[in-house]
Amino acid sequence: MLARLVVAAVAVGLLVAADDPKADDPVKADLKKLEGTWVVEKLEAAGPAPEELKKATLTFAGDKLTMKSAGGEEMRQTVRLDPKKNPKEMNFVPEKKEPNAAPGLAIYKLDGDTLTLALGPPDKRPTKFEPPENGFLLVLKRKK
């Protein structure tokens, strides 16, 4: 009798996990982990870094990102992840279509409440977590 109950409980657990799309979808899992507001803790650049970027906040909600400058200007983007790549890849697609605009190409790593992004120039994705030429390395902390 006890063995049947254990088998039934395991079967129900497996069925519930199978119905949860996030259980085996790494994109949805990482998007969920990114949700919230992040502040810049560290900014490195191969050249001069814009001061306004140092005080920016990034807010993730689903596959949407709102970047807010210290002056209050907002830029909205759609985020596309590929967590199966090594390093993991993130693309930023601007909400407003601008002529000749290309998606922002980045790599990312997420460690609890620390998000590290290496952002390259519009046509080149970084391959390492160091400041790329014409790009930035950002270390962000989740805002409590």
Protein backbone atom coordinates (compact mmCIF):
# COMPACT_ATOMS: atom_id res chain seq x y z
CA MET A 1 0.00 0.00 0.00
CA LEU A 2 2.74 2.44 0.96
CA ALA A 3 4.65 1.65 -2.22
CA ARG A 4 1.56 2.51 -4.31
CA LEU A 5 1.20 5.86 -2.54
CA VAL A 6 4.86 6.71 -3.14
CA VAL A 7 4.59 5.75 -6.83
CA ALA A 8 1.39 7.79 -7.19
CA ALA A 9 2.97 10.82 -5.50
CA VAL A 10 6.02 10.65 -7.78
CA ALA A 11 3.78 10.28 -10.86
CA VAL A 12 1.72 13.33 -9.87
CA GLY A 13 4.91 15.33 -9.27
CA LEU A 14 6.23 14.41 -12.71
CA LEU A 15 2.95 15.38 -14.36
CA VAL A 16 2.91 18.76 -12.62
CA ALA A 17 6.52 19.41 -13.67
CA ALA A 18 5.69 18.43 -17.25
CA ASP A 19 2.85 20.96 -17.32
CA ASP A 20 5.14 23.78 -16.12
CA PRO A 21 6.70 25.33 -19.26
CA LYS A 22 9.41 26.99 -17.15
CA ALA A 23 10.55 23.63 -15.80
CA ASP A 24 12.53 22.81 -18.92
CA ASP A 25 12.68 26.14 -20.79
CA PRO A 26 16.02 27.79 -19.98
CA VAL A 27 15.00 31.06 -21.69
CA LYS A 28 11.92 31.50 -19.50
CA ALA A 29 13.90 30.43 -16.44
CA ASP A 30 16.60 33.06 -17.03
CA LEU A 31 14.04 35.77 -17.88
CA LYS A 32 12.35 35.00 -14.55
CA LYS A 33 15.70 35.26 -12.72
CA LEU A 34 16.39 38.63 -14.37
CA GLU A 35 13.07 40.21 -13.32
CA GLY A 36 13.45 43.30 -11.21
CA THR A 37 15.50 46.48 -11.15
CA TRP A 38 19.28 46.45 -11.38
CA VAL A 39 21.75 49.26 -10.62
CA VAL A 40 25.25 49.69 -12.00
CA GLU A 41 27.87 48.70 -9.46
CA LYS A 42 30.84 48.75 -11.82
CA LEU A 43 31.39 49.99 -15.35
CA GLU A 44 34.49 49.35 -17.41
CA ALA A 45 35.15 50.52 -20.95
CA ALA A 46 38.06 50.24 -23.35
CA GLY A 47 37.71 54.01 -23.82
CA PRO A 48 35.84 56.75 -21.97
CA ALA A 49 32.59 55.60 -20.38
CA PRO A 50 29.52 57.88 -20.42
CA GLU A 51 28.82 59.23 -16.94
CA GLU A 52 25.04 58.81 -17.40
CA LEU A 53 25.52 55.06 -17.88
CA LYS A 54 27.17 54.78 -14.46
CA LYS A 55 23.96 55.98 -12.80
CA ALA A 56 21.49 54.08 -14.99
CA THR A 57 18.98 51.50 -13.80
CA LEU A 58 17.80 48.53 -15.81
CA THR A 59 14.41 46.99 -15.13
CA PHE A 60 13.54 43.59 -16.57
CA ALA A 61 9.89 42.48 -16.81
CA GLY A 62 9.41 39.33 -18.86
CA ASP A 63 11.22 39.86 -22.14
CA LYS A 64 11.10 43.67 -21.82
CA LEU A 65 13.86 45.91 -20.56
CA THR A 66 13.55 49.55 -19.56
CA MET A 67 16.80 51.40 -19.13
CA LYS A 68 16.49 54.65 -17.23
CA SER A 69 19.25 57.25 -17.19
CA ALA A 70 20.06 59.41 -14.17
CA GLY A 71 18.27 62.27 -15.96
CA GLY A 72 15.04 60.25 -16.23
CA GLU A 73 15.24 59.42 -19.95
CA GLU A 74 13.91 55.93 -20.69
CA MET A 75 14.82 53.50 -23.44
CA ARG A 76 12.65 50.39 -23.90
CA GLN A 77 13.89 47.22 -25.52
CA THR A 78 12.93 43.61 -26.08
CA VAL A 79 15.40 41.10 -24.67
CA ARG A 80 16.23 37.87 -26.47
CA LEU A 81 18.30 35.28 -24.60
CA ASP A 82 20.23 32.21 -25.62
CA PRO A 83 21.23 30.58 -22.33
CA LYS A 84 22.41 27.43 -24.13
CA LYS A 85 25.44 29.24 -25.57
CA ASN A 86 28.69 29.47 -23.66
CA PRO A 87 28.92 32.25 -22.63
CA LYS A 88 25.19 32.95 -22.52
CA GLU A 89 24.00 35.48 -25.11
CA MET A 90 21.61 38.42 -24.80
CA ASN A 91 20.28 40.62 -27.62
CA PHE A 92 18.60 43.99 -27.08
CA VAL A 93 16.09 45.02 -29.75
CA PRO A 94 15.02 48.70 -29.48
CA GLU A 95 11.28 49.29 -29.18
CA LYS A 96 11.51 52.31 -31.48
CA LYS A 97 12.68 51.36 -34.94
CA GLU A 98 15.48 53.67 -35.96
CA PRO A 99 17.01 53.68 -39.46
CA ASN A 100 20.02 51.36 -39.68
CA ALA A 101 19.57 50.30 -36.04
CA ALA A 102 20.94 46.87 -35.19
CA PRO A 103 20.19 44.86 -32.05
CA GLY A 104 22.62 45.28 -29.16
CA LEU A 105 24.77 42.17 -28.78
CA ALA A 106 25.94 41.03 -25.36
CA ILE A 107 27.00 38.08 -23.27
CA TYR A 108 25.77 37.66 -19.72
CA LYS A 109 26.23 35.73 -16.54
CA LEU A 110 23.87 35.73 -13.63
CA ASP A 111 25.01 34.85 -10.12
CA GLY A 112 22.20 35.43 -7.63
CA ASP A 113 21.80 39.19 -7.30
CA THR A 114 24.77 40.00 -9.56
CA LEU A 115 24.38 40.35 -13.33
CA THR A 116 27.46 40.81 -15.51
CA LEU A 117 27.01 42.07 -19.07
CA ALA A 118 29.65 42.55 -21.74
CA LEU A 119 28.16 44.74 -24.48
CA GLY A 120 29.92 45.11 -27.79
CA PRO A 121 29.53 47.52 -30.65
CA PRO A 122 26.31 47.01 -32.67
CA ASP A 123 27.84 44.53 -35.08
CA LYS A 124 30.03 42.40 -32.81
CA ARG A 125 29.23 40.24 -29.79
CA PRO A 126 31.93 40.04 -27.10
CA THR A 127 33.35 36.61 -26.33
CA LYS A 128 34.88 37.35 -22.90
CA PHE A 129 33.83 39.20 -19.77
CA GLU A 130 36.18 42.12 -20.24
CA PRO A 131 35.57 45.58 -21.73
CA PRO A 132 35.39 45.05 -25.51
CA GLU A 133 36.62 47.66 -27.97
CA ASN A 134 33.80 50.21 -28.44
CA GLY A 135 31.79 48.46 -25.75
CA PHE A 136 31.28 48.11 -22.01
CA LEU A 137 31.51 45.64 -19.17
CA LEU A 138 28.78 46.21 -16.62
CA VAL A 139 28.41 44.60 -13.23
CA LEU A 140 24.89 45.19 -11.92
CA LYS A 141 23.33 44.49 -8.54
CA ARG A 142 19.66 43.74 -7.98
CA LYS A 143 17.94 46.65 -6.24
CA LYS A 144 16.33 45.54 -2.99
